[in-house]
């Protein structure tokens, strides 16, 4: 029971041509996708370069701000030293003044105590 199938050469060629046309269409779609991806890749590369330059600018700005903060810190340190000097001077003056007040109060209390406890007859 063998059957012989006769296919003409023209039919085979037509089928091969249709398959080749389908493959060409698929390849064209792939080429379009690849071209689209290449353009997107170049856009991404350009964006990355822009970001790098912006990042460098930001880093430079931050460095300048750091330098400004350092100079402000130095100014605050000098002001702190001045406050410490003034504080020590005021402490000295306050102790001297309170010492004099203490002597005067002691003298007044002695004088008042003498009149209260030892009145003159």
PDB file of N, CA and C in Angstrom:
ATOM      1  N   UNK A   1       0.799  -1.165   0.000  1.00  0.00           N
ATOM      2  CA  UNK A   1       0.000   0.000   0.000  1.00  0.00           C
ATOM      3  C   UNK A   1       0.863   1.258   0.000  1.00  0.00           C
ATOM      4  N   UNK A   2       1.562   1.350  -0.843  1.00  0.00           N
ATOM      5  CA  UNK A   2       2.354   2.558  -0.986  1.00  0.00           C
ATOM      6  C   UNK A   2       1.663   3.513  -1.915  1.00  0.00           C
ATOM      7  N   UNK A   3       1.704   4.706  -1.486  1.00  0.00           N
ATOM      8  CA  UNK A   3       1.063   5.736  -2.309  1.00  0.00           C
ATOM      9  C   UNK A   3       2.154   6.669  -2.817  1.00  0.00           C
ATOM     10  N   UNK A   4       1.996   7.037  -3.922  1.00  0.00           N
ATOM     11  CA  UNK A   4       2.940   7.991  -4.486  1.00  0.00           C
ATOM     12  C   UNK A   4       2.272   9.349  -4.563  1.00  0.00           C
ATOM     13  N   UNK A   5       2.963  10.310  -4.131  1.00  0.00           N
ATOM     14  CA  UNK A   5       2.410  11.664  -4.160  1.00  0.00           C
ATOM     15  C   UNK A   5       3.235  12.430  -5.171  1.00  0.00           C
ATOM     16  N   UNK A   6       2.539  12.995  -6.033  1.00  0.00           N
ATOM     17  CA  UNK A   6       3.214  13.768  -7.057  1.00  0.00           C
ATOM     18  C   UNK A   6       3.028  15.250  -6.751  1.00  0.00           C
ATOM     19  N   UNK A   7       4.103  15.904  -6.575  1.00  0.00           N
ATOM     20  CA  UNK A   7       4.063  17.341  -6.331  1.00  0.00           C
ATOM     21  C   UNK A   7       4.889  17.965  -7.433  1.00  0.00           C
ATOM     22  N   UNK A   8       4.303  18.958  -7.954  1.00  0.00           N
ATOM     23  CA  UNK A   8       5.026  19.593  -9.051  1.00  0.00           C
ATOM     24  C   UNK A   8       6.099  20.512  -8.487  1.00  0.00           C
ATOM     25  N   UNK A   9       7.093  20.703  -9.224  1.00  0.00           N
ATOM     26  CA  UNK A   9       8.205  21.543  -8.826  1.00  0.00           C
ATOM     27  C   UNK A   9       7.781  22.993  -8.657  1.00  0.00           C
ATOM     28  N   UNK A  10       6.821  23.418  -9.378  1.00  0.00           N
ATOM     29  CA  UNK A  10       6.315  24.789  -9.316  1.00  0.00           C
ATOM     30  C   UNK A  10       5.652  25.014  -7.962  1.00  0.00           C
ATOM     31  N   UNK A  11       4.887  24.030  -7.487  1.00  0.00           N
ATOM     32  CA  UNK A  11       4.240  24.161  -6.187  1.00  0.00           C
ATOM     33  C   UNK A  11       5.295  24.265  -5.065  1.00  0.00           C
ATOM     34  N   UNK A  12       6.334  23.483  -5.169  1.00  0.00           N
ATOM     35  CA  UNK A  12       7.390  23.519  -4.159  1.00  0.00           C
ATOM     36  C   UNK A  12       8.082  24.889  -4.164  1.00  0.00           C
ATOM     37  N   UNK A  13       8.344  25.388  -5.345  1.00  0.00           N
ATOM     38  CA  UNK A  13       8.981  26.697  -5.451  1.00  0.00           C
ATOM     39  C   UNK A  13       8.076  27.811  -4.927  1.00  0.00           C
ATOM     40  N   UNK A  14       6.791  27.708  -5.185  1.00  0.00           N
ATOM     41  CA  UNK A  14       5.846  28.717  -4.681  1.00  0.00           C
ATOM     42  C   UNK A  14       5.811  28.707  -3.146  1.00  0.00           C
ATOM     43  N   UNK A  15       5.783  27.500  -2.564  1.00  0.00           N
ATOM     44  CA  UNK A  15       5.779  27.405  -1.111  1.00  0.00           C
ATOM     45  C   UNK A  15       7.078  27.965  -0.528  1.00  0.00           C
ATOM     46  N   UNK A  16       8.207  27.640  -1.164  1.00  0.00           N
ATOM     47  CA  UNK A  16       9.489  28.173  -0.704  1.00  0.00           C
ATOM     48  C   UNK A  16       9.519  29.700  -0.816  1.00  0.00           C
ATOM     49  N   UNK A  17       8.973  30.240  -1.892  1.00  0.00           N
ATOM     50  CA  UNK A  17       8.926  31.697  -2.054  1.00  0.00           C
ATOM     51  C   UNK A  17       8.068  32.344  -0.971  1.00  0.00           C
ATOM     52  N   UNK A  18       6.924  31.733  -0.666  1.00  0.00           N
ATOM     53  CA  UNK A  18       6.061  32.305   0.372  1.00  0.00           C
ATOM     54  C   UNK A  18       6.745  32.251   1.738  1.00  0.00           C
ATOM     55  N   UNK A  19       7.435  31.150   2.005  1.00  0.00           N
ATOM     56  CA  UNK A  19       8.175  31.034   3.265  1.00  0.00           C
ATOM     57  C   UNK A  19       9.296  32.073   3.323  1.00  0.00           C
ATOM     58  N   UNK A  20       9.988  32.250   2.218  1.00  0.00           N
ATOM     59  CA  UNK A  20      11.069  33.232   2.161  1.00  0.00           C
ATOM     60  C   UNK A  20      10.527  34.648   2.353  1.00  0.00           C
ATOM     61  N   UNK A  21       9.339  34.931   1.772  1.00  0.00           N
ATOM     62  CA  UNK A  21       8.735  36.256   1.952  1.00  0.00           C
ATOM     63  C   UNK A  21       8.388  36.487   3.424  1.00  0.00           C
ATOM     64  N   UNK A  22       7.854  35.468   4.094  1.00  0.00           N
ATOM     65  CA  UNK A  22       7.538  35.590   5.512  1.00  0.00           C
ATOM     66  C   UNK A  22       8.807  35.824   6.331  1.00  0.00           C
ATOM     67  N   UNK A  23       9.862  35.070   5.998  1.00  0.00           N
ATOM     68  CA  UNK A  23      11.134  35.256   6.696  1.00  0.00           C
ATOM     69  C   UNK A  23      11.703  36.650   6.454  1.00  0.00           C
ATOM     70  N   UNK A  24      11.598  37.136   5.227  1.00  0.00           N
ATOM     71  CA  UNK A  24      12.082  38.489   4.927  1.00  0.00           C
ATOM     72  C   UNK A  24      11.305  39.536   5.721  1.00  0.00           C
ATOM     73  N   UNK A  25       9.983  39.340   5.834  1.00  0.00           N
ATOM     74  CA  UNK A  25       9.158  40.278   6.604  1.00  0.00           C
ATOM     75  C   UNK A  25       9.576  40.271   8.075  1.00  0.00           C
ATOM     76  N   UNK A  26       9.815  39.076   8.616  1.00  0.00           N
ATOM     77  CA  UNK A  26      10.257  38.982  10.006  1.00  0.00           C
ATOM     78  C   UNK A  26      11.628  39.624  10.195  1.00  0.00           C
ATOM     79  N   UNK A  27      12.521  39.393   9.260  1.00  0.00           N
ATOM     80  CA  UNK A  27      13.859  39.984   9.336  1.00  0.00           C
ATOM     81  C   UNK A  27      13.772  41.507   9.249  1.00  0.00           C
ATOM     82  N   UNK A  28      12.881  42.032   8.387  1.00  0.00           N
ATOM     83  CA  UNK A  28      12.705  43.483   8.286  1.00  0.00           C
ATOM     84  C   UNK A  28      12.199  44.067   9.611  1.00  0.00           C
ATOM     85  N   UNK A  29      11.255  43.359  10.252  1.00  0.00           N
ATOM     86  CA  UNK A  29      10.758  43.822  11.542  1.00  0.00           C
ATOM     87  C   UNK A  29      11.887  43.832  12.576  1.00  0.00           C
ATOM     88  N   UNK A  30      12.711  42.784  12.565  1.00  0.00           N
ATOM     89  CA  UNK A  30      13.839  42.724  13.486  1.00  0.00           C
ATOM     90  C   UNK A  30      14.832  43.855  13.219  1.00  0.00           C
ATOM     91  N   UNK A  31      15.080  44.143  11.929  1.00  0.00           N
ATOM     92  CA  UNK A  31      15.984  45.244  11.590  1.00  0.00           C
ATOM     93  C   UNK A  31      15.438  46.579  12.096  1.00  0.00           C
ATOM     94  N   UNK A  32      14.122  46.771  11.981  1.00  0.00           N
ATOM     95  CA  UNK A  32      13.508  48.003  12.480  1.00  0.00           C
ATOM     96  C   UNK A  32      13.647  48.102  14.001  1.00  0.00           C
ATOM     97  N   UNK A  33      13.417  46.976  14.676  1.00  0.00           N
ATOM     98  CA  UNK A  33      13.559  46.975  16.134  1.00  0.00           C
ATOM     99  C   UNK A  33      14.994  47.265  16.547  1.00  0.00           C
ATOM    100  N   UNK A  34      15.950  46.679  15.828  1.00  0.00           N
ATOM    101  CA  UNK A  34      17.363  46.914  16.138  1.00  0.00           C
ATOM    102  C   UNK A  34      17.721  48.382  15.915  1.00  0.00           C
ATOM    103  N   UNK A  35      17.233  48.957  14.810  1.00  0.00           N
ATOM    104  CA  UNK A  35      17.508  50.370  14.541  1.00  0.00           C
ATOM    105  C   UNK A  35      16.889  51.252  15.627  1.00  0.00           C
ATOM    106  N   UNK A  36      15.668  50.903  16.044  1.00  0.00           N
ATOM    107  CA  UNK A  36      15.004  51.659  17.101  1.00  0.00           C
ATOM    108  C   UNK A  36      15.790  51.556  18.412  1.00  0.00           C
ATOM    109  N   UNK A  37      16.259  50.350  18.727  1.00  0.00           N
ATOM    110  CA  UNK A  37      17.054  50.163  19.935  1.00  0.00           C
ATOM    111  C   UNK A  37      18.376  50.929  19.868  1.00  0.00           C
ATOM    112  N   UNK A  38      18.979  50.983  18.692  1.00  0.00           N
ATOM    113  CA  UNK A  38      20.226  51.729  18.545  1.00  0.00           C
ATOM    114  C   UNK A  38      20.008  53.217  18.792  1.00  0.00           C
ATOM    115  N   UNK A  39      18.902  53.767  18.255  1.00  0.00           N
ATOM    116  CA  UNK A  39      18.634  55.192  18.490  1.00  0.00           C
ATOM    117  C   UNK A  39      18.365  55.450  19.974  1.00  0.00           C
ATOM    118  N   UNK A  40      17.607  54.533  20.594  1.00  0.00           N
ATOM    119  CA  UNK A  40      17.350  54.698  22.024  1.00  0.00           C
ATOM    120  C   UNK A  40      18.644  54.601  22.825  1.00  0.00           C
ATOM    121  N   UNK A  41      19.535  53.703  22.414  1.00  0.00           N
ATOM    122  CA  UNK A  41      20.809  53.552  23.104  1.00  0.00           C
ATOM    123  C   UNK A  41      21.650  54.817  22.992  1.00  0.00           C
ATOM    124  N   UNK A  42      21.679  55.410  21.818  1.00  0.00           N
ATOM    125  CA  UNK A  42      22.441  56.659  21.661  1.00  0.00           C
ATOM    126  C   UNK A  42      21.811  57.774  22.501  1.00  0.00           C
ATOM    127  N   UNK A  43      20.482  57.815  22.582  1.00  0.00           N
ATOM    128  CA  UNK A  43      19.814  58.806  23.420  1.00  0.00           C
ATOM    129  C   UNK A  43      20.172  58.593  24.890  1.00  0.00           C
ATOM    130  N   UNK A  44      20.204  57.341  25.300  1.00  0.00           N
ATOM    131  CA  UNK A  44      20.558  57.032  26.686  1.00  0.00           C
ATOM    132  C   UNK A  44      22.013  57.433  26.964  1.00  0.00           C
ATOM    133  N   UNK A  45      22.891  57.170  26.014  1.00  0.00           N
ATOM    134  CA  UNK A  45      24.293  57.559  26.187  1.00  0.00           C
ATOM    135  C   UNK A  45      24.418  59.078  26.327  1.00  0.00           C
ATOM    136  N   UNK A  46      23.667  59.808  25.511  1.00  0.00           N
ATOM    137  CA  UNK A  46      23.696  61.272  25.590  1.00  0.00           C
ATOM    138  C   UNK A  46      23.172  61.728  26.949  1.00  0.00           C
ATOM    139  N   UNK A  47      22.079  61.105  27.411  1.00  0.00           N
ATOM    140  CA  UNK A  47      21.523  61.459  28.719  1.00  0.00           C
ATOM    141  C   UNK A  47      22.516  61.152  29.837  1.00  0.00           C
ATOM    142  N   UNK A  48      23.220  60.049  29.732  1.00  0.00           N
ATOM    143  CA  UNK A  48      24.208  59.687  30.746  1.00  0.00           C
ATOM    144  C   UNK A  48      25.336  60.720  30.772  1.00  0.00           C
ATOM    145  N   UNK A  49      25.766  61.168  29.615  1.00  0.00           N
ATOM    146  CA  UNK A  49      26.819  62.184  29.562  1.00  0.00           C
ATOM    147  C   UNK A  49      26.332  63.494  30.181  1.00  0.00           C
ATOM    148  N   UNK A  50      25.082  63.862  29.891  1.00  0.00           N
ATOM    149  CA  UNK A  50      24.520  65.070  30.494  1.00  0.00           C
ATOM    150  C   UNK A  50      24.475  64.938  32.008  1.00  0.00           C
ATOM    151  N   UNK A  51      24.057  63.776  32.488  1.00  0.00           N
ATOM    152  CA  UNK A  51      24.002  63.550  33.928  1.00  0.00           C
ATOM    153  C   UNK A  51      25.392  63.613  34.558  1.00  0.00           C
ATOM    154  N   UNK A  52      26.386  63.092  33.846  1.00  0.00           N
ATOM    155  CA  UNK A  52      27.750  63.140  34.370  1.00  0.00           C
ATOM    156  C   UNK A  52      28.221  64.582  34.510  1.00  0.00           C
ATOM    157  N   UNK A  53      27.958  65.399  33.488  1.00  0.00           N
ATOM    158  CA  UNK A  53      28.392  66.800  33.573  1.00  0.00           C
ATOM    159  C   UNK A  53      27.629  67.535  34.671  1.00  0.00           C
ATOM    160  N   UNK A  54      26.323  67.274  34.794  1.00  0.00           N
ATOM    161  CA  UNK A  54      25.547  67.901  35.860  1.00  0.00           C
ATOM    162  C   UNK A  54      26.050  67.446  37.228  1.00  0.00           C
ATOM    163  N   UNK A  55      26.396  66.184  37.345  1.00  0.00           N
ATOM    164  CA  UNK A  55      26.928  65.655  38.601  1.00  0.00           C
ATOM    165  C   UNK A  55      28.243  66.345  38.958  1.00  0.00           C
ATOM    166  N   UNK A  56      29.096  66.555  37.982  1.00  0.00           N
ATOM    167  CA  UNK A  56      30.361  67.246  38.229  1.00  0.00           C
ATOM    168  C   UNK A  56      30.105  68.683  38.685  1.00  0.00           C
ATOM    169  N   UNK A  57      29.130  69.346  38.061  1.00  0.00           N
ATOM    170  CA  UNK A  57      28.801  70.710  38.469  1.00  0.00           C
ATOM    171  C   UNK A  57      28.286  70.738  39.903  1.00  0.00           C
ATOM    172  N   UNK A  58      27.457  69.773  40.251  1.00  0.00           N
ATOM    173  CA  UNK A  58      26.917  69.707  41.614  1.00  0.00           C
ATOM    174  C   UNK A  58      28.046  69.456  42.611  1.00  0.00           C
ATOM    175  N   UNK A  59      28.972  68.581  42.253  1.00  0.00           N
ATOM    176  CA  UNK A  59      30.098  68.289  43.138  1.00  0.00           C
ATOM    177  C   UNK A  59      30.942  69.556  43.340  1.00  0.00           C
ATOM    178  N   UNK A  60      31.151  70.319  42.280  1.00  0.00           N
ATOM    179  CA  UNK A  60      31.922  71.559  42.410  1.00  0.00           C
ATOM    180  C   UNK A  60      31.198  72.558  43.308  1.00  0.00           C
ATOM    181  N   UNK A  61      29.890  72.654  43.153  1.00  0.00           N
ATOM    182  CA  UNK A  61      29.113  73.560  43.998  1.00  0.00           C
ATOM    183  C   UNK A  61      29.185  73.128  45.458  1.00  0.00           C
ATOM    184  N   UNK A  62      29.078  71.832  45.692  1.00  0.00           N
ATOM    185  CA  UNK A  62      29.165  71.333  47.064  1.00  0.00           C
ATOM    186  C   UNK A  62      30.539  71.603  47.668  1.00  0.00           C
ATOM    187  N   UNK A  63      31.575  71.484  46.861  1.00  0.00           N
ATOM    188  CA  UNK A  63      32.921  71.783  47.351  1.00  0.00           C
ATOM    189  C   UNK A  63      33.042  73.254  47.743  1.00  0.00           C
ATOM    190  N   UNK A  64      32.465  74.135  46.919  1.00  0.00           N
ATOM    191  CA  UNK A  64      32.532  75.560  47.261  1.00  0.00           C
ATOM    192  C   UNK A  64      31.723  75.853  48.522  1.00  0.00           C
ATOM    193  N   UNK A  65      30.595  75.171  48.686  1.00  0.00           N
ATOM    194  CA  UNK A  65      29.800  75.358  49.906  1.00  0.00           C
ATOM    195  C   UNK A  65      30.566  74.839  51.117  1.00  0.00           C
ATOM    196  N   UNK A  66      31.255  73.728  50.961  1.00  0.00           N
ATOM    197  CA  UNK A  66      32.076  73.195  52.059  1.00  0.00           C
ATOM    198  C   UNK A  66      33.160  74.191  52.461  1.00  0.00           C
ATOM    199  N   UNK A  67      33.785  74.823  51.485  1.00  0.00           N
ATOM    200  CA  UNK A  67      34.815  75.817  51.785  1.00  0.00           C
ATOM    201  C   UNK A  67      34.202  76.993  52.542  1.00  0.00           C
ATOM    202  N   UNK A  68      33.016  77.411  52.123  1.00  0.00           N
ATOM    203  CA  UNK A  68      32.349  78.512  52.823  1.00  0.00           C
ATOM    204  C   UNK A  68      32.033  78.126  54.262  1.00  0.00           C
ATOM    205  N   UNK A  69      31.559  76.909  54.461  1.00  0.00           N
ATOM    206  CA  UNK A  69      31.268  76.458  55.823  1.00  0.00           C
ATOM    207  C   UNK A  69      32.538  76.400  56.671  1.00  0.00           C
ATOM    208  N   UNK A  70      33.639  76.006  56.067  1.00  0.00           N
ATOM    209  CA  UNK A  70      34.895  75.983  56.804  1.00  0.00           C
ATOM    210  C   UNK A  70      35.278  77.385  57.263  1.00  0.00           C
ATOM    211  N   UNK A  71      35.107  78.367  56.379  1.00  0.00           N
ATOM    212  CA  UNK A  71      35.445  79.746  56.763  1.00  0.00           C
ATOM    213  C   UNK A  71      34.493  80.245  57.847  1.00  0.00           C
ATOM    214  N   UNK A  72      33.226  79.870  57.767  1.00  0.00           N
ATOM    215  CA  UNK A  72      32.273  80.271  58.805  1.00  0.00           C
ATOM    216  C   UNK A  72      32.634  79.604  60.129  1.00  0.00           C
ATOM    217  N   UNK A  73      33.056  78.343  60.084  1.00  0.00           N
ATOM    218  CA  UNK A  73      33.483  77.651  61.308  1.00  0.00           C
ATOM    219  C   UNK A  73      34.671  78.369  61.948  1.00  0.00           C
ATOM    220  N   UNK A  74      35.612  78.828  61.139  1.00  0.00           N
ATOM    221  CA  UNK A  74      36.760  79.554  61.672  1.00  0.00           C
ATOM    222  C   UNK A  74      36.300  80.841  62.345  1.00  0.00           C
ATOM    223  N   UNK A  75      35.343  81.522  61.726  1.00  0.00           N
ATOM    224  CA  UNK A  75      34.824  82.761  62.316  1.00  0.00           C
ATOM    225  C   UNK A  75      34.148  82.466  63.658  1.00  0.00           C
ATOM    226  N   UNK A  76      33.365  81.414  63.707  1.00  0.00           N
ATOM    227  CA  UNK A  76      32.701  81.061  64.961  1.00  0.00           C
ATOM    228  C   UNK A  76      33.721  80.706  66.042  1.00  0.00           C
ATOM    229  N   UNK A  77      34.781  80.038  65.656  1.00  0.00           N
ATOM    230  CA  UNK A  77      35.823  79.709  66.631  1.00  0.00           C
ATOM    231  C   UNK A  77      36.447  80.972  67.205  1.00  0.00           C
ATOM    232  N   UNK A  78      36.714  81.957  66.337  1.00  0.00           N
ATOM    233  CA  UNK A  78      37.308  83.198  66.841  1.00  0.00           C
ATOM    234  C   UNK A  78      36.322  83.941  67.742  1.00  0.00           C
ATOM    235  N   UNK A  79      35.024  83.913  67.392  1.00  0.00           N
ATOM    236  CA  UNK A  79      34.022  84.557  68.240  1.00  0.00           C
ATOM    237  C   UNK A  79      33.917  83.830  69.576  1.00  0.00           C
ATOM    238  N   UNK A  80      33.991  82.510  69.552  1.00  0.00           N
ATOM    239  CA  UNK A  80      33.963  81.744  70.802  1.00  0.00           C
ATOM    240  C   UNK A  80      35.147  82.110  71.697  1.00  0.00           C
ATOM    241  N   UNK A  81      36.321  82.294  71.111  1.00  0.00           N
ATOM    242  CA  UNK A  81      37.489  82.682  71.897  1.00  0.00           C
ATOM    243  C   UNK A  81      37.263  84.052  72.531  1.00  0.00           C
ATOM    244  N   UNK A  82      36.672  84.963  71.774  1.00  0.00           N
ATOM    245  CA  UNK A  82      36.404  86.296  72.316  1.00  0.00           C
ATOM    246  C   UNK A  82      35.412  86.218  73.475  1.00  0.00           C
ATOM    247  N   UNK A  83      34.373  85.415  73.308  1.00  0.00           N
ATOM    248  CA  UNK A  83      33.401  85.263  74.392  1.00  0.00           C
ATOM    249  C   UNK A  83      34.056  84.687  75.644  1.00  0.00           C
ATOM    250  N   UNK A  84      34.939  83.718  75.446  1.00  0.00           N
ATOM    251  CA  UNK A  84      35.641  83.138  76.593  1.00  0.00           C
ATOM    252  C   UNK A  84      36.491  84.190  77.302  1.00  0.00           C
ATOM    253  N   UNK A  85      37.174  85.034  76.515  1.00  0.00           N
ATOM    254  CA  UNK A  85      37.994  86.090  77.117  1.00  0.00           C
ATOM    255  C   UNK A  85      37.130  87.074  77.906  1.00  0.00           C
ATOM    256  N   UNK A  86      36.019  87.490  77.292  1.00  0.00           N
ATOM    257  CA  UNK A  86      35.122  88.437  77.960  1.00  0.00           C
ATOM    258  C   UNK A  86      34.528  87.803  79.210  1.00  0.00           C
ATOM    259  N   UNK A  87      34.174  86.547  79.138  1.00  0.00           N
ATOM    260  CA  UNK A  87      33.605  85.843  80.282  1.00  0.00           C
ATOM    261  C   UNK A  87      34.602  85.792  81.438  1.00  0.00           C
ATOM    262  N   UNK A  88      35.857  85.503  81.144  1.00  0.00           N
ATOM    263  CA  UNK A  88      36.854  85.443  82.211  1.00  0.00           C
ATOM    264  C   UNK A  88      37.072  86.826  82.828  1.00  0.00           C
ATOM    265  N   UNK A  89      37.047  87.880  82.019  1.00  0.00           N
ATOM    266  CA  UNK A  89      37.193  89.237  82.549  1.00  0.00           C
ATOM    267  C   UNK A  89      36.017  89.597  83.444  1.00  0.00           C
ATOM    268  N   UNK A  90      34.802  89.255  82.979  1.00  0.00           N
ATOM    269  CA  UNK A  90      33.619  89.561  83.785  1.00  0.00           C
ATOM    270  C   UNK A  90      33.621  88.776  85.089  1.00  0.00           C
ATOM    271  N   UNK A  91      34.100  87.543  85.037  1.00  0.00           N
ATOM    272  CA  UNK A  91      34.190  86.752  86.265  1.00  0.00           C
ATOM    273  C   UNK A  91      35.130  87.421  87.261  1.00  0.00           C
ATOM    274  N   UNK A  92      36.237  87.922  86.793  1.00  0.00           N
ATOM    275  CA  UNK A  92      37.201  88.589  87.664  1.00  0.00           C
ATOM    276  C   UNK A  92      36.596  89.851  88.266  1.00  0.00           C
ATOM    277  N   UNK A  93      35.941  90.658  87.415  1.00  0.00           N
ATOM    278  CA  UNK A  93      35.320  91.889  87.895  1.00  0.00           C
ATOM    279  C   UNK A  93      34.201  91.599  88.889  1.00  0.00           C
ATOM    280  N   UNK A  94      33.411  90.567  88.584  1.00  0.00           N
ATOM    281  CA  UNK A  94      32.301  90.217  89.468  1.00  0.00           C
ATOM    282  C   UNK A  94      32.818  89.772  90.826  1.00  0.00           C
ATOM    283  N   UNK A  95      33.859  88.949  90.843  1.00  0.00           N
ATOM    284  CA  UNK A  95      34.432  88.507  92.128  1.00  0.00           C
ATOM    285  C   UNK A  95      34.984  89.679  92.932  1.00  0.00           C
ATOM    286  N   UNK A  96      35.634  90.609  92.262  1.00  0.00           N
ATOM    287  CA  UNK A  96      36.162  91.781  92.959  1.00  0.00           C
ATOM    288  C   UNK A  96      35.048  92.639  93.536  1.00  0.00           C
ATOM    289  N   UNK A  97      34.016  92.856  92.713  1.00  0.00           N
ATOM    290  CA  UNK A  97      32.892  93.678  93.177  1.00  0.00           C
ATOM    291  C   UNK A  97      32.174  93.008  94.340  1.00  0.00           C
ATOM    292  N   UNK A  98      31.927  91.712  94.237  1.00  0.00           N
ATOM    293  CA  UNK A  98      31.249  91.010  95.323  1.00  0.00           C
ATOM    294  C   UNK A  98      32.104  90.963  96.581  1.00  0.00           C
ATOM    295  N   UNK A  99      33.406  90.925  96.426  1.00  0.00           N
ATOM    296  CA  UNK A  99      34.293  90.972  97.584  1.00  0.00           C
ATOM    297  C   UNK A  99      34.167  92.305  98.311  1.00  0.00           C
ATOM    298  N   UNK A 100      34.140  93.390  97.540  1.00  0.00           N
ATOM    299  CA  UNK A 100      33.984  94.712  98.162  1.00  0.00           C
ATOM    300  C   UNK A 100      32.617  94.842  98.837  1.00  0.00           C
ATOM    301  N   UNK A 101      31.584  94.356  98.178  1.00  0.00           N
ATOM    302  CA  UNK A 101      30.247  94.403  98.765  1.00  0.00           C
ATOM    303  C   UNK A 101      30.219  93.582 100.049  1.00  0.00           C
ATOM    304  N   UNK A 102      30.871  92.451 100.061  1.00  0.00           N
ATOM    305  CA  UNK A 102      30.922  91.607 101.254  1.00  0.00           C
ATOM    306  C   UNK A 102      31.590  92.326 102.419  1.00  0.00           C
ATOM    307  N   UNK A 103      32.670  93.014 102.137  1.00  0.00           N
ATOM    308  CA  UNK A 103      33.367  93.756 103.191  1.00  0.00           C
ATOM    309  C   UNK A 103      32.474  94.868 103.738  1.00  0.00           C
ATOM    310  N   UNK A 104      31.796  95.589 102.827  1.00  0.00           N
ATOM    311  CA  UNK A 104      30.903  96.667 103.264  1.00  0.00           C
ATOM    312  C   UNK A 104      29.732  96.138 104.075  1.00  0.00           C
ATOM    313  N   UNK A 105      29.154  95.046 103.629  1.00  0.00           N
ATOM    314  CA  UNK A 105      28.011  94.474 104.346  1.00  0.00           C
ATOM    315  C   UNK A 105      28.463  93.984 105.718  1.00  0.00           C
ATOM    316  N   UNK A 106      29.622  93.371 105.760  1.00  0.00           N
ATOM    317  CA  UNK A 106      30.143  92.908 107.056  1.00  0.00           C
ATOM    318  C   UNK A 106      30.348  94.089 108.001  1.00  0.00           C
ATOM    319  N   UNK A 107      30.892  95.168 107.502  1.00  0.00           N
ATOM    320  CA  UNK A 107      31.090  96.357 108.327  1.00  0.00           C
ATOM    321  C   UNK A 107      29.777  96.945 108.796  1.00  0.00           C
ATOM    322  N   UNK A 108      28.802  97.038 107.916  1.00  0.00           N
ATOM    323  CA  UNK A 108      27.491  97.578 108.299  1.00  0.00           C
ATOM    324  C   UNK A 108      26.803  96.693 109.327  1.00  0.00           C
ATOM    325  N   UNK A 109      26.868  95.378 109.111  1.00  0.00           N
ATOM    326  CA  UNK A 109      26.236  94.461 110.067  1.00  0.00           C
ATOM    327  C   UNK A 109      26.935  94.541 111.423  1.00  0.00           C
ATOM    328  N   UNK A 110      28.229  94.710 111.396  1.00  0.00           N
ATOM    329  CA  UNK A 110      28.956  94.858 112.661  1.00  0.00           C
ATOM    330  C   UNK A 110      28.502  96.126 113.382  1.00  0.00           C
ATOM    331  N   UNK A 111      28.400  97.206 112.673  1.00  0.00           N
ATOM    332  CA  UNK A 111      27.969  98.475 113.254  1.00  0.00           C
ATOM    333  C   UNK A 111      26.541  98.385 113.793  1.00  0.00           C
ATOM    334  N   UNK A 112      25.629  97.778 113.021  1.00  0.00           N
ATOM    335  CA  UNK A 112      24.242  97.617 113.457  1.00  0.00           C
ATOM    336  C   UNK A 112      24.162  96.671 114.651  1.00  0.00           C
ATOM    337  N   UNK A 113      24.913  95.594 114.619  1.00  0.00           N
ATOM    338  CA  UNK A 113      24.929  94.634 115.731  1.00  0.00           C
ATOM    339  C   UNK A 113      25.433  95.274 117.022  1.00  0.00           C
ATOM    340  N   UNK A 114      26.377  96.132 116.887  1.00  0.00           N
ATOM    341  CA  UNK A 114      26.931  96.810 118.057  1.00  0.00           C
ATOM    342  C   UNK A 114      25.880  97.705 118.701  1.00  0.00           C
ATOM    343  N   UNK A 115      25.093  98.423 117.887  1.00  0.00           N
ATOM    344  CA  UNK A 115      24.055  99.299 118.426  1.00  0.00           C
ATOM    345  C   UNK A 115      22.903  98.524 119.008  1.00  0.00           C
ATOM    346  N   UNK A 116      22.575  97.363 118.400  1.00  0.00           N
ATOM    347  CA  UNK A 116      21.432  96.610 118.881  1.00  0.00           C
ATOM    348  C   UNK A 116      21.762  95.854 120.151  1.00  0.00           C
ATOM    349  N   UNK A 117      22.884  95.182 120.144  1.00  0.00           N
ATOM    350  CA  UNK A 117      23.206  94.335 121.304  1.00  0.00           C
ATOM    351  C   UNK A 117      23.938  95.063 122.418  1.00  0.00           C
ATOM    352  N   UNK A 118      24.634  96.092 122.089  1.00  0.00           N
ATOM    353  CA  UNK A 118      25.385  96.850 123.089  1.00  0.00           C
ATOM    354  C   UNK A 118      25.006  98.324 123.000  1.00  0.00           C
ATOM    355  N   UNK A 119      23.835  98.664 123.463  1.00  0.00           N
ATOM    356  CA  UNK A 119      23.451 100.084 123.360  1.00  0.00           C
ATOM    357  C   UNK A 119      24.265 100.946 124.334  1.00  0.00           C
ATOM    358  N   UNK A 120      24.419 102.176 124.040  1.00  0.00           N
ATOM    359  CA  UNK A 120      25.151 103.130 124.870  1.00  0.00           C
ATOM    360  C   UNK A 120      24.238 103.649 125.969  1.00  0.00           C
ATOM    361  N   UNK A 121      24.661 103.520 127.235  1.00  0.00           N
ATOM    362  CA  UNK A 121      23.790 104.011 128.306  1.00  0.00           C
ATOM    363  C   UNK A 121      23.831 105.477 128.510  1.00  0.00           C
TER     364      UNK A 121
END
